[in-house]
Protein backbone atom coordinates (compact mmCIF):
# COMPACT_ATOMS: atom_id res chain seq x y z
CA MET A 1 -10.36 -9.83 -3.71
CA THR A 2 -11.55 -7.17 -6.12
CA ALA A 3 -14.90 -7.12 -7.86
CA GLN A 4 -12.98 -7.11 -11.15
CA LEU A 5 -11.39 -10.49 -10.39
CA THR A 6 -14.66 -11.95 -9.11
CA ALA A 7 -16.41 -11.03 -12.33
CA GLN A 8 -13.57 -12.45 -14.43
CA LEU A 9 -13.61 -15.79 -12.60
CA GLN A 10 -17.37 -16.06 -12.92
CA ARG A 11 -17.09 -15.66 -16.69
CA GLY A 12 -14.54 -18.48 -16.88
CA LEU A 13 -10.85 -19.11 -16.35
CA LYS A 14 -8.14 -17.51 -18.42
CA PRO A 15 -4.89 -19.37 -19.17
CA LEU A 16 -2.74 -16.74 -17.42
CA TYR A 17 -3.19 -14.45 -14.41
CA THR A 18 -0.77 -11.84 -13.10
CA VAL A 19 -1.31 -10.39 -9.62
CA TYR A 20 0.95 -7.58 -8.42
CA GLY A 21 1.06 -5.36 -5.35
CA ASP A 22 2.52 -5.05 -1.84
CA GLU A 23 -0.69 -5.57 0.17
CA ALA A 24 0.05 -9.14 1.28
CA LEU A 25 -3.45 -9.96 2.52
CA LEU A 26 -5.22 -8.88 -0.66
CA VAL A 27 -2.63 -10.51 -2.91
CA GLN A 28 -3.07 -13.73 -0.97
CA GLU A 29 -6.87 -13.56 -1.23
CA ALA A 30 -6.74 -12.91 -4.97
CA ALA A 31 -4.35 -15.83 -5.46
CA ASP A 32 -6.54 -18.09 -3.29
CA ALA A 33 -9.58 -17.23 -5.40
CA ILE A 34 -7.74 -18.11 -8.61
CA ARG A 35 -6.47 -21.36 -7.10
CA ALA A 36 -9.98 -22.33 -5.94
CA ALA A 37 -11.47 -21.62 -9.36
CA ALA A 38 -8.65 -23.63 -10.97
CA ARG A 39 -9.28 -26.64 -8.72
CA ALA A 40 -12.98 -26.51 -9.55
CA GLN A 41 -12.06 -26.71 -13.24
CA GLY A 42 -9.80 -29.73 -12.81
CA PHE A 43 -6.39 -28.09 -12.38
CA LEU A 44 -5.50 -30.51 -9.61
CA GLU A 45 -1.70 -30.53 -9.84
CA ARG A 46 0.18 -27.45 -8.65
CA SER A 47 3.82 -26.56 -9.25
CA VAL A 48 5.24 -23.60 -7.30
CA PHE A 49 8.47 -21.75 -8.14
CA VAL A 50 9.96 -18.85 -6.17
CA ALA A 51 12.30 -16.95 -8.50
CA SER A 52 14.66 -15.30 -6.04
CA GLY A 53 18.33 -14.62 -6.47
CA ALA A 54 20.51 -14.16 -9.54
CA HIS A 55 21.09 -17.91 -9.97
CA PHE A 56 17.48 -19.05 -10.18
CA ASP A 57 17.06 -21.84 -12.75
CA TRP A 58 14.47 -20.58 -15.22
CA SER A 59 14.84 -23.75 -17.28
CA ALA A 60 12.95 -25.58 -14.53
CA VAL A 61 9.98 -23.26 -15.05
CA ARG A 62 10.07 -23.83 -18.79
CA ALA A 63 10.22 -27.59 -18.27
CA ALA A 64 7.27 -27.55 -15.87
CA ALA A 65 5.21 -25.59 -18.37
CA LEU A 66 5.91 -28.16 -21.07
CA SER A 67 5.54 -31.32 -18.97
CA GLN A 68 2.39 -33.42 -18.91
CA SER A 69 1.17 -34.64 -15.54
CA LEU A 70 0.87 -38.37 -14.85
CA PHE A 71 -1.76 -37.91 -12.16
CA ALA A 72 -4.00 -35.09 -13.34
CA GLU A 73 -5.11 -33.75 -16.67
CA ARG A 74 -4.51 -30.14 -15.77
CA GLN A 75 -1.75 -28.27 -13.97
CA LEU A 76 -1.52 -24.94 -12.14
CA LEU A 77 1.91 -23.37 -12.55
CA GLU A 78 2.51 -20.74 -9.87
CA LEU A 79 5.50 -18.45 -10.21
CA ARG A 80 6.42 -16.00 -7.45
CA LEU A 81 8.92 -13.22 -8.16
CA PRO A 82 9.47 -11.36 -4.83
CA SER A 83 11.87 -8.78 -6.28
CA GLY A 84 9.83 -7.98 -9.38
CA LYS A 85 13.11 -8.09 -11.34
CA PRO A 86 13.45 -11.29 -13.40
CA GLY A 87 16.73 -10.44 -15.08
CA LYS A 88 17.50 -11.08 -18.73
CA ASP A 89 16.90 -14.85 -18.70
CA GLY A 90 13.79 -14.51 -16.57
CA ALA A 91 12.35 -11.79 -18.78
CA ALA A 92 12.74 -14.05 -21.81
CA ALA A 93 11.17 -16.97 -19.93
CA LEU A 94 8.19 -14.88 -18.83
CA GLN A 95 7.57 -13.71 -22.39
CA GLN A 96 7.69 -17.29 -23.62
CA LEU A 97 5.29 -18.44 -20.90
CA ALA A 98 2.87 -15.63 -21.67
CA GLU A 99 2.91 -16.17 -25.42
CA ALA A 100 2.51 -19.96 -25.06
CA ALA A 101 -0.25 -19.83 -22.43
CA PRO A 102 -3.28 -19.58 -24.78
CA ALA A 103 -2.14 -22.64 -26.75
CA ASN A 104 -2.22 -25.07 -23.79
CA PRO A 105 -5.69 -25.54 -22.26
CA ASP A 106 -4.32 -27.95 -19.66
CA LEU A 107 -1.98 -25.36 -18.08
CA LEU A 108 -3.00 -22.36 -16.00
CA THR A 109 -0.19 -19.96 -15.04
CA LEU A 110 -0.34 -17.64 -12.02
CA VAL A 111 2.41 -15.01 -11.68
CA LEU A 112 2.70 -13.17 -8.34
CA LEU A 113 4.71 -9.93 -8.24
CA PRO A 114 5.29 -7.07 -5.78
CA ARG A 115 4.30 -3.48 -6.54
CA LEU A 116 5.98 -2.46 -9.79
CA ASP A 117 7.44 0.87 -10.81
CA ALA A 118 6.53 2.67 -14.01
CA THR A 119 9.59 1.39 -15.88
CA THR A 120 8.84 -2.25 -15.07
CA LEU A 121 5.20 -1.84 -16.07
CA LYS A 122 6.41 -0.80 -19.53
CA SER A 123 8.88 -3.67 -19.89
CA PRO A 124 8.34 -6.20 -22.71
CA TRP A 125 7.98 -9.12 -20.31
CA PHE A 126 5.25 -7.45 -18.25
CA ALA A 127 3.52 -6.23 -21.41
CA ALA A 128 3.45 -9.86 -22.62
CA LEU A 129 1.89 -11.01 -19.34
CA ALA A 130 -0.76 -8.28 -19.48
CA GLN A 131 -1.49 -8.99 -23.14
CA HIS A 132 -2.20 -12.70 -22.68
CA GLY A 133 -4.16 -12.63 -19.43
CA PRO A 134 -5.66 -10.40 -16.74
CA ALA A 135 -3.09 -8.33 -14.84
CA LEU A 136 -4.62 -7.45 -11.48
CA ARG A 137 -3.06 -4.56 -9.56
CA ILE A 138 -3.58 -4.79 -5.80
CA ASP A 139 -3.62 -1.33 -4.24
CA ALA A 140 -3.16 -0.61 -0.56
CA VAL A 141 -6.23 0.36 1.45
CA GLU A 142 -5.50 3.94 2.52
CA ARG A 143 -6.63 5.33 5.87
CA ALA A 144 -9.51 7.27 4.30
CA GLN A 145 -10.96 4.08 2.77
CA LEU A 146 -10.24 1.81 5.74
CA PRO A 147 -13.56 2.32 7.65
CA VAL A 148 -15.56 1.35 4.55
CA TRP A 149 -13.31 -1.69 4.01
CA ILE A 150 -13.81 -2.75 7.63
CA ALA A 151 -17.59 -2.36 7.36
CA GLN A 152 -17.62 -4.52 4.24
CA ARG A 153 -15.55 -7.22 5.97
CA LEU A 154 -17.86 -7.18 8.98
CA GLN A 155 -20.85 -7.57 6.67
CA LEU A 156 -19.31 -10.67 5.09
CA GLN A 157 -19.34 -12.36 8.50
CA GLY A 158 -22.86 -11.18 9.36
CA GLN A 159 -21.88 -8.31 11.64
CA ARG A 160 -22.38 -4.56 11.43
CA VAL A 161 -22.04 -1.35 13.40
CA PRO A 162 -24.93 1.01 14.16
CA SER A 163 -25.82 3.58 11.55
CA GLY A 164 -24.85 7.19 11.93
CA ALA A 165 -22.24 8.78 14.16
CA GLU A 166 -22.08 5.91 16.66
CA GLY A 167 -21.19 3.38 13.98
CA GLN A 168 -18.70 5.73 12.35
CA ARG A 169 -17.01 6.17 15.72
CA SER A 170 -16.58 2.39 15.99
CA LEU A 171 -15.19 2.09 12.46
CA ASP A 172 -12.78 4.98 12.98
CA PHE A 173 -11.62 3.51 16.29
CA LEU A 174 -10.87 0.16 14.66
CA ALA A 175 -9.22 1.84 11.64
CA ASP A 176 -6.92 3.85 13.91
CA ARG A 177 -5.80 0.69 15.71
CA VAL A 178 -4.96 -1.30 12.57
CA GLU A 179 -3.83 1.42 10.16
CA GLY A 180 -1.00 0.29 7.92
CA ASN A 181 -1.39 -3.38 8.88
CA LEU A 182 -4.17 -4.89 6.80
CA LEU A 183 -3.38 -8.45 7.81
CA ALA A 184 -3.82 -7.46 11.45
CA ALA A 185 -7.07 -5.69 10.52
CA HIS A 186 -8.31 -8.93 8.95
CA GLN A 187 -7.35 -10.88 12.08
CA GLU A 188 -9.07 -8.41 14.40
CA ILE A 189 -12.25 -8.54 12.33
CA GLN A 190 -12.18 -12.34 12.42
CA LYS A 191 -11.72 -12.17 16.19
CA LEU A 192 -14.93 -10.13 16.47
CA ALA A 193 -16.76 -12.98 14.71
CA LEU A 194 -15.41 -15.45 17.27
CA LEU A 195 -16.25 -13.28 20.27
CA TYR A 196 -19.70 -12.01 19.30
CA PRO A 197 -22.71 -13.41 17.43
CA ALA A 198 -23.97 -12.09 14.12
CA GLY A 199 -25.75 -8.77 14.29
CA GLU A 200 -24.92 -5.31 15.53
CA LEU A 201 -21.70 -4.54 17.39
CA GLY A 202 -21.51 -1.72 19.91
CA PHE A 203 -18.49 0.50 20.43
CA GLU A 204 -17.74 -1.03 23.85
CA GLN A 205 -17.63 -4.53 22.37
CA ILE A 206 -15.15 -3.47 19.69
CA GLU A 207 -13.05 -1.49 22.17
CA ARG A 208 -12.75 -4.50 24.51
CA ALA A 209 -11.79 -6.87 21.70
CA VAL A 210 -9.41 -4.92 19.49
CA LEU A 211 -5.71 -4.55 20.14
CA ASP A 212 -3.66 -1.60 18.99
CA VAL A 213 -1.77 -3.22 16.11
CA ALA A 214 -1.18 -0.21 13.88
CA ARG A 215 2.08 -0.21 11.96
CA HIS A 216 3.03 3.37 11.29
CA ASP A 217 5.03 4.64 8.33
CA PRO A 218 7.01 7.92 8.31
CA PHE A 219 5.67 8.70 4.84
CA LYS A 220 2.08 8.14 5.97
CA LEU A 221 2.87 10.55 8.81
CA ALA A 222 3.88 13.17 6.24
CA GLU A 223 0.56 12.61 4.44
CA ALA A 224 -1.37 13.09 7.69
CA VAL A 225 0.53 16.35 8.28
CA LEU A 226 -0.50 17.73 4.86
CA ASP A 227 -4.06 16.53 5.53
CA ALA A 228 -4.06 18.66 8.71
CA GLN A 229 -4.99 15.83 11.10
CA PRO A 230 -3.32 16.83 14.41
CA LEU A 231 -4.59 13.94 16.57
CA ARG A 232 -3.67 11.34 13.97
CA VAL A 233 -0.24 12.95 13.55
CA GLN A 234 0.49 12.74 17.27
CA ARG A 235 -0.79 9.17 17.47
CA MET A 236 1.46 8.19 14.55
CA LEU A 237 4.47 9.92 16.11
CA ASP A 238 3.85 8.04 19.36
CA GLY A 239 3.53 4.79 17.40
CA LEU A 240 6.72 5.39 15.43
CA GLN A 241 8.63 6.13 18.62
CA ALA A 242 7.21 3.03 20.34
CA ASP A 243 8.10 0.90 17.30
CA GLY A 244 11.72 1.98 17.56
CA SER A 245 11.70 3.93 14.29
CA ALA A 246 14.69 6.16 13.64
CA ALA A 247 13.93 9.80 14.39
CA VAL A 248 16.27 10.75 11.52
CA LEU A 249 14.06 8.91 9.00
CA VAL A 250 10.89 10.47 10.38
CA HIS A 251 12.48 13.92 10.13
CA TRP A 252 13.59 13.23 6.56
CA ALA A 253 10.02 12.37 5.50
CA LEU A 254 8.68 15.60 7.03
CA ALA A 255 11.52 17.77 5.78
CA GLU A 256 11.31 16.37 2.25
CA ASP A 257 7.73 17.59 1.90
CA ILE A 258 8.62 20.98 3.35
CA ARG A 259 11.53 21.34 0.91
CA ALA A 260 9.35 20.27 -2.03
CA LEU A 261 6.61 22.73 -1.06
CA TRP A 262 9.17 25.54 -0.86
CA ARG A 263 10.77 24.64 -4.22
CA VAL A 264 7.42 24.52 -6.01
CA LYS A 265 6.29 27.79 -4.42
CA SER A 266 9.59 29.44 -5.38
CA GLU A 267 9.21 28.33 -8.99
CA GLN A 268 5.64 29.63 -9.02
CA ALA A 269 6.92 32.98 -7.78
CA GLN A 270 9.16 33.07 -10.87
CA GLY A 271 6.16 32.53 -13.13
CA LYS A 272 6.22 28.78 -13.65
CA PRO A 273 2.77 27.11 -13.84
CA LEU A 274 1.93 24.88 -10.88
CA PRO A 275 1.52 21.63 -12.90
CA LEU A 276 4.95 22.10 -14.48
CA ALA A 277 6.59 22.98 -11.17
CA LEU A 278 5.09 19.88 -9.53
CA ARG A 279 6.25 17.64 -12.36
CA GLU A 280 9.79 18.99 -12.23
CA GLN A 281 9.91 18.30 -8.49
CA ARG A 282 8.66 14.73 -9.10
CA VAL A 283 5.44 15.31 -7.19
CA TRP A 284 2.59 13.19 -8.52
CA GLY A 285 -0.32 10.95 -7.56
CA ALA A 286 -1.95 11.47 -4.18
CA ARG A 287 0.96 13.67 -3.07
CA GLU A 288 0.32 15.98 -6.03
CA LYS A 289 -3.32 16.42 -4.99
CA ARG A 290 -2.26 17.35 -1.47
CA PHE A 291 0.24 19.90 -2.79
CA GLU A 292 -2.38 21.38 -5.12
CA ARG A 293 -4.72 21.83 -2.18
CA VAL A 294 -2.34 23.49 0.28
CA LEU A 295 0.06 25.47 -1.93
CA PRO A 296 -2.21 28.24 -3.25
CA ARG A 297 -2.70 29.78 0.19
CA LEU A 298 0.71 29.12 1.69
CA ALA A 299 3.03 32.11 1.62
CA LEU A 300 6.65 31.71 0.56
CA ALA A 301 7.75 33.40 3.80
CA GLN A 302 5.86 30.81 5.84
CA LEU A 303 7.50 27.96 3.94
CA GLU A 304 10.90 29.55 4.55
CA ARG A 305 10.16 29.58 8.31
CA TRP A 306 9.26 25.88 8.13
CA LEU A 307 12.52 25.22 6.28
CA LEU A 308 14.48 26.93 9.05
CA ALA A 309 12.57 24.96 11.68
CA ALA A 310 13.25 21.71 9.81
CA HIS A 311 16.97 22.58 9.73
CA THR A 312 16.91 23.14 13.49
CA VAL A 313 15.15 19.83 14.15
CA ASP A 314 17.64 18.07 11.87
CA GLY A 315 20.36 19.11 14.30
CA ILE A 316 18.31 18.03 17.33
CA VAL A 317 17.70 14.50 16.02
CA LYS A 318 21.46 14.26 15.44
CA GLY A 319 22.29 15.26 19.01
CA LEU A 320 22.64 19.05 18.85
CA ARG A 321 20.76 21.41 21.15
CA HIS A 322 18.87 24.60 20.44
CA PRO A 323 17.77 27.04 23.16
CA ASP A 324 14.30 27.57 21.68
CA TRP A 325 13.46 23.91 20.97
CA PRO A 326 12.99 20.74 23.07
CA ALA A 327 16.13 18.64 23.45
CA ASP A 328 14.14 15.42 23.00
CA PRO A 329 14.09 14.53 19.25
CA TRP A 330 10.50 13.22 19.33
CA LEU A 331 9.18 16.31 21.08
CA ALA A 332 10.97 18.46 18.49
CA LEU A 333 9.53 16.37 15.66
CA GLY A 334 6.06 16.75 17.16
CA ARG A 335 6.43 20.51 17.37
CA LEU A 336 7.63 20.74 13.76
CA ALA A 337 4.84 18.47 12.52
CA GLN A 338 2.13 20.40 14.36
CA GLN A 339 3.44 23.70 13.01
CA VAL A 340 2.89 22.41 9.47
CA VAL A 341 -0.46 20.88 10.44
CA ARG A 342 -1.72 24.26 11.67
CA GLY A 343 -0.54 25.94 8.49
CA CYS A 344 -2.24 23.32 6.28
CA ALA A 345 -5.43 23.45 8.39
CA ALA A 346 -5.75 27.14 7.58
CA VAL A 347 -6.00 26.38 3.86
CA ARG A 348 -8.60 23.62 4.02
């Protein structure tokens, strides 16, 4: 649960809350906090609707919002929209709910949504939700922030790691084992509370207790490559292979970044400013920052060699052989990834 939501709940309940994001654990915790605050304020009846499928009956939601409870003065109306796409009828219903929320002090509405794209965030129905109540975006905890997140969670249960390098080693070890699986991270941290008393945890204690529950993502692998993290890259490749991930998808994620780097560099060579070239190639956010860091010192000729290597590996993962490359797709992917890692390491 974010500090923003904690502060809002301490100041008093709003009639409408919207929580959106794909980090299931944090979405659940935020929703639990709102539900607990609602119960404390007398919202004892709870109606839950899951709006999935094209034939969902939005009239039932409207009726629940208008009905008066026979058993409790106040009602919590919880609406879950797994797809984030309400359709025409749903969009109209959401706007009506949002606009009516401030007028009914006995109804508290909680809307739970997945991560939303830029177009949806600008839609009239979402704008209405955000206008009439807090809209809390739940962001994923990236690998770089994960050790701090783990330390904070340990502190909540009265545990900590030693200060300095020893403690950082423990946090990094745990982060590596649970990367990409925040729910598993939460469970492993809770397990430490069951196994050991409050106080300081040593590395050996954490190592004995924690399972390797990382869930690797080909696109996170591509990020690790641009961040020039060779050990993490190999660990993620091993995890993707063990998970049964398709080598073709892993190659696509790597090759897509190589192609985008080459296109941007080629446009720069023709005189186009870097920000414009990045925008035209649809490179933004954290990926844009990585490109801005590595591109200035990467030569176009080097990027062309990586393109050729990516083309070769594309054939290998599809069953072709090349005399200068390993026949095993995962070994070929590792060689390609480490080539790019070395090139990006030289520009750090």
